[in-house]
Amino acid sequence: MFGASGGIGAALSAALVARGTPVLAGSRSGKPAAADGATPFRFDLEDEDGIAAAVEPWRDDPPDLVIVATGVLTLADGTGPERSLKQLDPAAMARVFRLNTIGPAIIAKHLLPMLARDRPATFAALSARVGSIGDNRIGGWHSYRASKAALNMLVRNFAIEMRRTHRLACVVGLHPGTVDTPLSEPFQANLPAGQLTPRRDAAANLLRVLGALTSEDSGEIFDWRGERIAP
């Protein structure tokens, strides 16, 4: 689990531990806030050497499920998603892409080749419905939308490449819905009743979707109900 100290990552880790599943729980601090019973490890999305070093011990016994539960909507300095193209800032846009697109891609670079070839394995990255170009009706949130659309493209690319060597593998993107986490907190006030999902429920939804996937689903983006999202 990459991003195990975040709202969704922590809930996913806790749910897996509760099922008796061994969990490797990664965070920038190396000390996940939740999921007692998980084995912590440290990684930094912007440090490729550190990511490579973190996963190297898994080479002889690779995980069957990898979840990248990282992502940013509002930057640490308070810069939020743009509502107009006039608000585009190159530095902020580059950072959003580093965290939402490049970081997960580097994790995939070092983990996908070591997945087992003789049994099913799943690599899932948290994406977002707003990353769908075909589903975009209102615009805005330029950097976030574009970074998730780029992530979705990489999911498809990686799935195609993995079919050549790991035919039982499944590489997917997951849209968890609007979850009650710090990421969504600034935008919760105007949500319709019932649209905000508690973290535990979101984790259960995503694990249910993951449990139904096969290699035939590789390269797709699924929402929390298991429905495909248009690219």
C-alpha atoms as a PDB file:
ATOM      1  CA  MET A   1       0.000   0.000   0.000  1.00  0.00           C
ATOM      2  CA  PHE A   2       1.545   3.258  -1.125  1.00  0.00           C
ATOM      3  CA  GLY A   3      -0.036   6.194   0.685  1.00  0.00           C
ATOM      4  CA  ALA A   4      -1.075   4.235   3.769  1.00  0.00           C
ATOM      5  CA  SER A   5      -1.181   7.302   5.997  1.00  0.00           C
ATOM      6  CA  GLY A   6      -3.733   9.104   3.810  1.00  0.00           C
ATOM      7  CA  GLY A   7      -7.456   8.899   4.370  1.00  0.00           C
ATOM      8  CA  ILE A   8      -8.294   6.229   1.791  1.00  0.00           C
ATOM      9  CA  GLY A   9      -4.957   4.428   2.044  1.00  0.00           C
ATOM     10  CA  ALA A  10      -5.253   4.096   5.809  1.00  0.00           C
ATOM     11  CA  ALA A  11      -8.817   2.772   5.503  1.00  0.00           C
ATOM     12  CA  LEU A  12      -7.772   0.265   2.839  1.00  0.00           C
ATOM     13  CA  SER A  13      -4.826  -0.900   4.939  1.00  0.00           C
ATOM     14  CA  ALA A  14      -7.014  -1.319   8.009  1.00  0.00           C
ATOM     15  CA  ALA A  15      -9.647  -3.249   6.058  1.00  0.00           C
ATOM     16  CA  LEU A  16      -7.040  -5.622   4.622  1.00  0.00           C
ATOM     17  CA  VAL A  17      -5.436  -6.182   8.024  1.00  0.00           C
ATOM     18  CA  ALA A  18      -8.886  -6.933   9.476  1.00  0.00           C
ATOM     19  CA  ARG A  19      -9.257  -9.644   6.839  1.00  0.00           C
ATOM     20  CA  GLY A  20      -6.000 -11.216   7.933  1.00  0.00           C
ATOM     21  CA  THR A  21      -4.123 -10.044   4.842  1.00  0.00           C
ATOM     22  CA  PRO A  22      -0.454  -9.155   5.385  1.00  0.00           C
ATOM     23  CA  VAL A  23      -0.035  -5.483   4.501  1.00  0.00           C
ATOM     24  CA  LEU A  24       3.089  -3.531   3.647  1.00  0.00           C
ATOM     25  CA  ALA A  25       2.035   0.018   4.485  1.00  0.00           C
ATOM     26  CA  GLY A  26       4.086   2.774   2.896  1.00  0.00           C
ATOM     27  CA  SER A  27       4.137   6.444   3.776  1.00  0.00           C
ATOM     28  CA  ARG A  28       6.535   9.343   3.615  1.00  0.00           C
ATOM     29  CA  SER A  29       7.179   9.093   7.355  1.00  0.00           C
ATOM     30  CA  GLY A  30       7.363   5.309   7.412  1.00  0.00           C
ATOM     31  CA  LYS A  31       4.875   5.342  10.272  1.00  0.00           C
ATOM     32  CA  PRO A  32       1.316   4.862   8.985  1.00  0.00           C
ATOM     33  CA  ALA A  33      -1.324   6.492  11.143  1.00  0.00           C
ATOM     34  CA  ALA A  34      -3.634   3.507  10.983  1.00  0.00           C
ATOM     35  CA  ALA A  35      -3.707  -0.203  10.242  1.00  0.00           C
ATOM     36  CA  ASP A  36      -2.221  -1.736  13.391  1.00  0.00           C
ATOM     37  CA  GLY A  37      -0.650  -5.002  12.317  1.00  0.00           C
ATOM     38  CA  ALA A  38       0.641  -3.670   9.007  1.00  0.00           C
ATOM     39  CA  THR A  39       4.370  -3.574   8.284  1.00  0.00           C
ATOM     40  CA  PRO A  40       5.417   0.025   7.628  1.00  0.00           C
ATOM     41  CA  PHE A  41       7.921   1.183   5.058  1.00  0.00           C
ATOM     42  CA  ARG A  42       9.077   4.594   3.929  1.00  0.00           C
ATOM     43  CA  PHE A  43       8.870   6.063   0.442  1.00  0.00           C
ATOM     44  CA  ASP A  44       8.772   9.487  -1.181  1.00  0.00           C
ATOM     45  CA  LEU A  45       6.845   9.953  -4.423  1.00  0.00           C
ATOM     46  CA  GLU A  46       9.515  12.365  -5.631  1.00  0.00           C
ATOM     47  CA  ASP A  47      12.497  10.117  -4.859  1.00  0.00           C
ATOM     48  CA  GLU A  48      12.924   7.383  -7.467  1.00  0.00           C
ATOM     49  CA  ASP A  49      15.992   5.890  -5.793  1.00  0.00           C
ATOM     50  CA  GLY A  50      14.082   5.659  -2.539  1.00  0.00           C
ATOM     51  CA  ILE A  51      11.132   3.949  -4.223  1.00  0.00           C
ATOM     52  CA  ALA A  52      13.458   1.452  -5.895  1.00  0.00           C
ATOM     53  CA  ALA A  53      15.178   0.711  -2.570  1.00  0.00           C
ATOM     54  CA  ALA A  54      11.845   0.303  -0.765  1.00  0.00           C
ATOM     55  CA  VAL A  55      10.526  -2.358  -3.154  1.00  0.00           C
ATOM     56  CA  GLU A  56      13.759  -4.236  -3.823  1.00  0.00           C
ATOM     57  CA  PRO A  57      13.322  -6.558  -0.782  1.00  0.00           C
ATOM     58  CA  TRP A  58      10.048  -7.770  -2.330  1.00  0.00           C
ATOM     59  CA  ARG A  59      11.701  -9.147  -5.455  1.00  0.00           C
ATOM     60  CA  ASP A  60      11.804 -12.776  -4.279  1.00  0.00           C
ATOM     61  CA  ASP A  61       8.267 -12.677  -2.888  1.00  0.00           C
ATOM     62  CA  PRO A  62       6.328  -9.982  -4.774  1.00  0.00           C
ATOM     63  CA  PRO A  63       2.894  -8.866  -3.575  1.00  0.00           C
ATOM     64  CA  ASP A  64      -0.246 -10.032  -5.354  1.00  0.00           C
ATOM     65  CA  LEU A  65      -1.954  -6.685  -4.813  1.00  0.00           C
ATOM     66  CA  VAL A  66      -0.372  -3.245  -5.067  1.00  0.00           C
ATOM     67  CA  ILE A  67      -2.475  -0.153  -4.384  1.00  0.00           C
ATOM     68  CA  VAL A  68      -1.154   3.343  -5.008  1.00  0.00           C
ATOM     69  CA  ALA A  69      -3.448   5.469  -2.854  1.00  0.00           C
ATOM     70  CA  THR A  70      -1.611   8.741  -3.281  1.00  0.00           C
ATOM     71  CA  GLY A  71      -2.738  12.003  -4.797  1.00  0.00           C
ATOM     72  CA  VAL A  72      -3.157  15.716  -4.283  1.00  0.00           C
ATOM     73  CA  LEU A  73      -5.920  18.179  -5.103  1.00  0.00           C
ATOM     74  CA  THR A  74      -4.878  21.170  -3.004  1.00  0.00           C
ATOM     75  CA  LEU A  75      -1.145  21.749  -2.612  1.00  0.00           C
ATOM     76  CA  ALA A  76       0.507  22.206   0.775  1.00  0.00           C
ATOM     77  CA  ASP A  77       0.767  25.960   0.230  1.00  0.00           C
ATOM     78  CA  GLY A  78      -3.002  26.181  -0.204  1.00  0.00           C
ATOM     79  CA  THR A  79      -3.028  26.337  -3.993  1.00  0.00           C
ATOM     80  CA  GLY A  80      -6.260  24.660  -5.001  1.00  0.00           C
ATOM     81  CA  PRO A  81      -7.691  23.443  -8.294  1.00  0.00           C
ATOM     82  CA  GLU A  82      -8.034  26.160 -10.925  1.00  0.00           C
ATOM     83  CA  ARG A  83     -11.501  27.351 -11.837  1.00  0.00           C
ATOM     84  CA  SER A  84     -10.222  29.312 -14.835  1.00  0.00           C
ATOM     85  CA  LEU A  85      -7.344  29.016 -17.260  1.00  0.00           C
ATOM     86  CA  LYS A  86      -6.279  32.467 -16.001  1.00  0.00           C
ATOM     87  CA  GLN A  87      -5.282  30.778 -12.741  1.00  0.00           C
ATOM     88  CA  LEU A  88      -2.835  28.360 -14.360  1.00  0.00           C
ATOM     89  CA  ASP A  89       0.600  28.507 -12.767  1.00  0.00           C
ATOM     90  CA  PRO A  90       3.441  26.472 -14.305  1.00  0.00           C
ATOM     91  CA  ALA A  91       5.095  25.590 -10.996  1.00  0.00           C
ATOM     92  CA  ALA A  92       1.861  24.496  -9.331  1.00  0.00           C
ATOM     93  CA  MET A  93       0.835  22.513 -12.399  1.00  0.00           C
ATOM     94  CA  ALA A  94       4.197  20.755 -12.521  1.00  0.00           C
ATOM     95  CA  ARG A  95       3.930  19.783  -8.860  1.00  0.00           C
ATOM     96  CA  VAL A  96       0.437  18.358  -9.309  1.00  0.00           C
ATOM     97  CA  PHE A  97       1.723  16.239 -12.173  1.00  0.00           C
ATOM     98  CA  ARG A  98       4.735  15.089 -10.137  1.00  0.00           C
ATOM     99  CA  LEU A  99       2.483  13.868  -7.347  1.00  0.00           C
ATOM    100  CA  ASN A 100      -0.552  12.589  -9.263  1.00  0.00           C
ATOM    101  CA  THR A 101       1.062  11.176 -12.385  1.00  0.00           C
ATOM    102  CA  ILE A 102       4.831  10.846 -12.273  1.00  0.00           C
ATOM    103  CA  GLY A 103       5.050   9.423  -8.750  1.00  0.00           C
ATOM    104  CA  PRO A 104       2.616   6.548  -9.400  1.00  0.00           C
ATOM    105  CA  ALA A 105       4.325   5.915 -12.746  1.00  0.00           C
ATOM    106  CA  ILE A 106       7.708   5.510 -11.046  1.00  0.00           C
ATOM    107  CA  ILE A 107       6.206   3.091  -8.540  1.00  0.00           C
ATOM    108  CA  ALA A 108       4.843   1.096 -11.475  1.00  0.00           C
ATOM    109  CA  LYS A 109       8.222   1.213 -13.205  1.00  0.00           C
ATOM    110  CA  HIS A 110       9.913  -0.549 -10.313  1.00  0.00           C
ATOM    111  CA  LEU A 111       7.101  -2.846  -9.177  1.00  0.00           C
ATOM    112  CA  LEU A 112       5.312  -4.115 -12.261  1.00  0.00           C
ATOM    113  CA  PRO A 113       8.275  -6.068 -13.690  1.00  0.00           C
ATOM    114  CA  MET A 114       8.740  -7.981 -10.433  1.00  0.00           C
ATOM    115  CA  LEU A 115       5.129  -9.190 -10.184  1.00  0.00           C
ATOM    116  CA  ALA A 116       4.730 -12.965 -10.462  1.00  0.00           C
ATOM    117  CA  ARG A 117       4.150 -14.301 -13.950  1.00  0.00           C
ATOM    118  CA  ASP A 118       2.579 -17.606 -12.905  1.00  0.00           C
ATOM    119  CA  ARG A 119      -0.332 -16.266 -10.839  1.00  0.00           C
ATOM    120  CA  PRO A 120      -2.760 -13.334 -10.899  1.00  0.00           C
ATOM    121  CA  ALA A 121      -1.547 -10.012  -9.544  1.00  0.00           C
ATOM    122  CA  THR A 122      -3.190  -6.595  -9.480  1.00  0.00           C
ATOM    123  CA  PHE A 123      -1.728  -3.109  -9.597  1.00  0.00           C
ATOM    124  CA  ALA A 124      -4.290  -0.385  -8.872  1.00  0.00           C
ATOM    125  CA  ALA A 125      -3.793   3.376  -8.760  1.00  0.00           C
ATOM    126  CA  LEU A 126      -6.360   5.785  -7.367  1.00  0.00           C
ATOM    127  CA  SER A 127      -7.612   7.969 -10.175  1.00  0.00           C
ATOM    128  CA  ALA A 128     -10.711  10.164 -10.487  1.00  0.00           C
ATOM    129  CA  ARG A 129     -13.767  10.438 -12.678  1.00  0.00           C
ATOM    130  CA  VAL A 130     -12.777  14.002 -13.521  1.00  0.00           C
ATOM    131  CA  GLY A 131      -9.788  12.533 -15.352  1.00  0.00           C
ATOM    132  CA  SER A 132     -12.158  11.222 -18.012  1.00  0.00           C
ATOM    133  CA  ILE A 133     -12.017  13.370 -21.144  1.00  0.00           C
ATOM    134  CA  GLY A 134     -15.277  11.955 -22.488  1.00  0.00           C
ATOM    135  CA  ASP A 135     -17.101  12.601 -19.209  1.00  0.00           C
ATOM    136  CA  ASN A 136     -15.916  16.205 -18.858  1.00  0.00           C
ATOM    137  CA  ARG A 137     -18.926  18.541 -19.081  1.00  0.00           C
ATOM    138  CA  ILE A 138     -18.009  21.507 -16.896  1.00  0.00           C
ATOM    139  CA  GLY A 139     -14.248  22.033 -17.307  1.00  0.00           C
ATOM    140  CA  GLY A 140     -12.108  23.657 -14.651  1.00  0.00           C
ATOM    141  CA  TRP A 141      -9.689  21.997 -12.228  1.00  0.00           C
ATOM    142  CA  HIS A 142      -7.221  21.987 -15.099  1.00  0.00           C
ATOM    143  CA  SER A 143      -4.096  20.580 -13.443  1.00  0.00           C
ATOM    144  CA  TYR A 144      -5.939  17.946 -11.429  1.00  0.00           C
ATOM    145  CA  ARG A 145      -8.052  16.779 -14.365  1.00  0.00           C
ATOM    146  CA  ALA A 146      -5.061  16.681 -16.703  1.00  0.00           C
ATOM    147  CA  SER A 147      -2.869  14.839 -14.210  1.00  0.00           C
ATOM    148  CA  LYS A 148      -5.506  12.158 -13.674  1.00  0.00           C
ATOM    149  CA  ALA A 149      -6.172  11.875 -17.420  1.00  0.00           C
ATOM    150  CA  ALA A 150      -2.443  11.335 -17.893  1.00  0.00           C
ATOM    151  CA  LEU A 151      -2.465   8.722 -15.138  1.00  0.00           C
ATOM    152  CA  ASN A 152      -5.343   6.940 -16.868  1.00  0.00           C
ATOM    153  CA  MET A 153      -3.352   6.863 -20.105  1.00  0.00           C
ATOM    154  CA  LEU A 154      -0.363   5.393 -18.295  1.00  0.00           C
ATOM    155  CA  VAL A 155      -2.581   2.712 -16.748  1.00  0.00           C
ATOM    156  CA  ARG A 156      -3.636   1.702 -20.259  1.00  0.00           C
ATOM    157  CA  ASN A 157      -0.037   1.822 -21.528  1.00  0.00           C
ATOM    158  CA  PHE A 158       1.277  -0.272 -18.656  1.00  0.00           C
ATOM    159  CA  ALA A 159      -1.513  -2.820 -19.091  1.00  0.00           C
ATOM    160  CA  ILE A 160      -0.671  -3.259 -22.777  1.00  0.00           C
ATOM    161  CA  GLU A 161       3.018  -3.710 -22.001  1.00  0.00           C
ATOM    162  CA  MET A 162       2.354  -6.141 -19.154  1.00  0.00           C
ATOM    163  CA  ARG A 163       0.241  -8.393 -21.392  1.00  0.00           C
ATOM    164  CA  ARG A 164       3.424  -9.291 -23.261  1.00  0.00           C
ATOM    165  CA  THR A 165       5.161 -10.664 -20.173  1.00  0.00           C
ATOM    166  CA  HIS A 166       2.594 -11.007 -17.361  1.00  0.00           C
ATOM    167  CA  ARG A 167      -0.596 -12.267 -18.959  1.00  0.00           C
ATOM    168  CA  LEU A 168      -2.302 -12.876 -15.620  1.00  0.00           C
ATOM    169  CA  ALA A 169      -1.663  -9.366 -14.320  1.00  0.00           C
ATOM    170  CA  CYS A 170      -4.310  -6.673 -14.018  1.00  0.00           C
ATOM    171  CA  VAL A 171      -3.384  -2.973 -14.090  1.00  0.00           C
ATOM    172  CA  VAL A 172      -6.286  -0.628 -13.344  1.00  0.00           C
ATOM    173  CA  GLY A 173      -7.286   2.808 -12.151  1.00  0.00           C
ATOM    174  CA  LEU A 174      -9.896   3.248  -9.427  1.00  0.00           C
ATOM    175  CA  HIS A 175     -12.272   6.125  -8.751  1.00  0.00           C
ATOM    176  CA  PRO A 176     -13.339   5.959  -5.077  1.00  0.00           C
ATOM    177  CA  GLY A 177     -16.087   8.567  -5.294  1.00  0.00           C
ATOM    178  CA  THR A 178     -16.088  11.613  -3.050  1.00  0.00           C
ATOM    179  CA  VAL A 179     -14.653  10.385   0.228  1.00  0.00           C
ATOM    180  CA  ASP A 180     -14.600  12.166   3.569  1.00  0.00           C
ATOM    181  CA  THR A 181     -10.874  12.950   3.641  1.00  0.00           C
ATOM    182  CA  PRO A 182      -8.744  16.105   3.906  1.00  0.00           C
ATOM    183  CA  LEU A 183      -8.424  16.062   0.096  1.00  0.00           C
ATOM    184  CA  SER A 184     -12.149  16.647  -0.379  1.00  0.00           C
ATOM    185  CA  GLU A 185     -12.811  18.674   2.768  1.00  0.00           C
ATOM    186  CA  PRO A 186     -12.604  22.144   1.146  1.00  0.00           C
ATOM    187  CA  PHE A 187     -15.276  21.110  -1.370  1.00  0.00           C
ATOM    188  CA  GLN A 188     -17.725  19.194   0.822  1.00  0.00           C
ATOM    189  CA  ALA A 189     -20.080  22.056   1.705  1.00  0.00           C
ATOM    190  CA  ASN A 190     -21.936  22.049  -1.604  1.00  0.00           C
ATOM    191  CA  LEU A 191     -22.199  18.294  -2.054  1.00  0.00           C
ATOM    192  CA  PRO A 192     -25.694  16.810  -2.416  1.00  0.00           C
ATOM    193  CA  ALA A 193     -26.872  14.790   0.564  1.00  0.00           C
ATOM    194  CA  GLY A 194     -25.522  11.244   0.505  1.00  0.00           C
ATOM    195  CA  GLN A 195     -22.704  11.927  -1.940  1.00  0.00           C
ATOM    196  CA  LEU A 196     -19.935  12.009   0.670  1.00  0.00           C
ATOM    197  CA  THR A 197     -18.666   8.519   1.451  1.00  0.00           C
ATOM    198  CA  PRO A 198     -17.127   7.578   4.822  1.00  0.00           C
ATOM    199  CA  ARG A 199     -13.581   6.244   4.521  1.00  0.00           C
ATOM    200  CA  ARG A 200     -14.416   2.766   5.777  1.00  0.00           C
ATOM    201  CA  ASP A 201     -17.233   2.421   3.254  1.00  0.00           C
ATOM    202  CA  ALA A 202     -15.002   3.691   0.457  1.00  0.00           C
ATOM    203  CA  ALA A 203     -12.367   1.092   1.326  1.00  0.00           C
ATOM    204  CA  ALA A 204     -14.963  -1.687   1.354  1.00  0.00           C
ATOM    205  CA  ASN A 205     -16.280  -0.538  -2.020  1.00  0.00           C
ATOM    206  CA  LEU A 206     -12.843  -0.495  -3.622  1.00  0.00           C
ATOM    207  CA  LEU A 207     -11.841  -3.872  -2.220  1.00  0.00           C
ATOM    208  CA  ARG A 208     -15.091  -5.350  -3.538  1.00  0.00           C
ATOM    209  CA  VAL A 209     -14.280  -4.001  -7.000  1.00  0.00           C
ATOM    210  CA  LEU A 210     -10.711  -5.279  -6.827  1.00  0.00           C
ATOM    211  CA  GLY A 211     -11.907  -8.713  -5.765  1.00  0.00           C
ATOM    212  CA  ALA A 212     -13.983  -9.078  -8.929  1.00  0.00           C
ATOM    213  CA  LEU A 213     -11.287  -8.057 -11.416  1.00  0.00           C
ATOM    214  CA  THR A 214      -9.392 -10.378 -13.736  1.00  0.00           C
ATOM    215  CA  SER A 215      -6.649  -9.885 -16.286  1.00  0.00           C
ATOM    216  CA  GLU A 216      -9.400  -9.238 -18.856  1.00  0.00           C
ATOM    217  CA  ASP A 217     -10.088  -5.946 -17.061  1.00  0.00           C
ATOM    218  CA  SER A 218      -6.509  -4.731 -17.276  1.00  0.00           C
ATOM    219  CA  GLY A 219      -6.083  -1.226 -18.641  1.00  0.00           C
ATOM    220  CA  GLU A 220      -9.523   0.000 -17.554  1.00  0.00           C
ATOM    221  CA  ILE A 221     -10.630   2.618 -15.027  1.00  0.00           C
ATOM    222  CA  PHE A 222     -13.400   1.580 -12.634  1.00  0.00           C
ATOM    223  CA  ASP A 223     -15.513   3.536 -10.208  1.00  0.00           C
ATOM    224  CA  TRP A 224     -16.412   2.407  -6.694  1.00  0.00           C
ATOM    225  CA  ARG A 225     -19.437   0.507  -8.025  1.00  0.00           C
ATOM    226  CA  GLY A 226     -17.344  -1.503 -10.466  1.00  0.00           C
ATOM    227  CA  GLU A 227     -18.560   0.419 -13.505  1.00  0.00           C
ATOM    228  CA  ARG A 228     -16.087   1.308 -16.243  1.00  0.00           C
ATOM    229  CA  ILE A 229     -15.289   4.986 -16.686  1.00  0.00           C
ATOM    230  CA  ALA A 230     -14.961   6.278 -20.229  1.00  0.00           C
ATOM    231  CA  PRO A 231     -11.465   7.472 -21.151  1.00  0.00           C
END
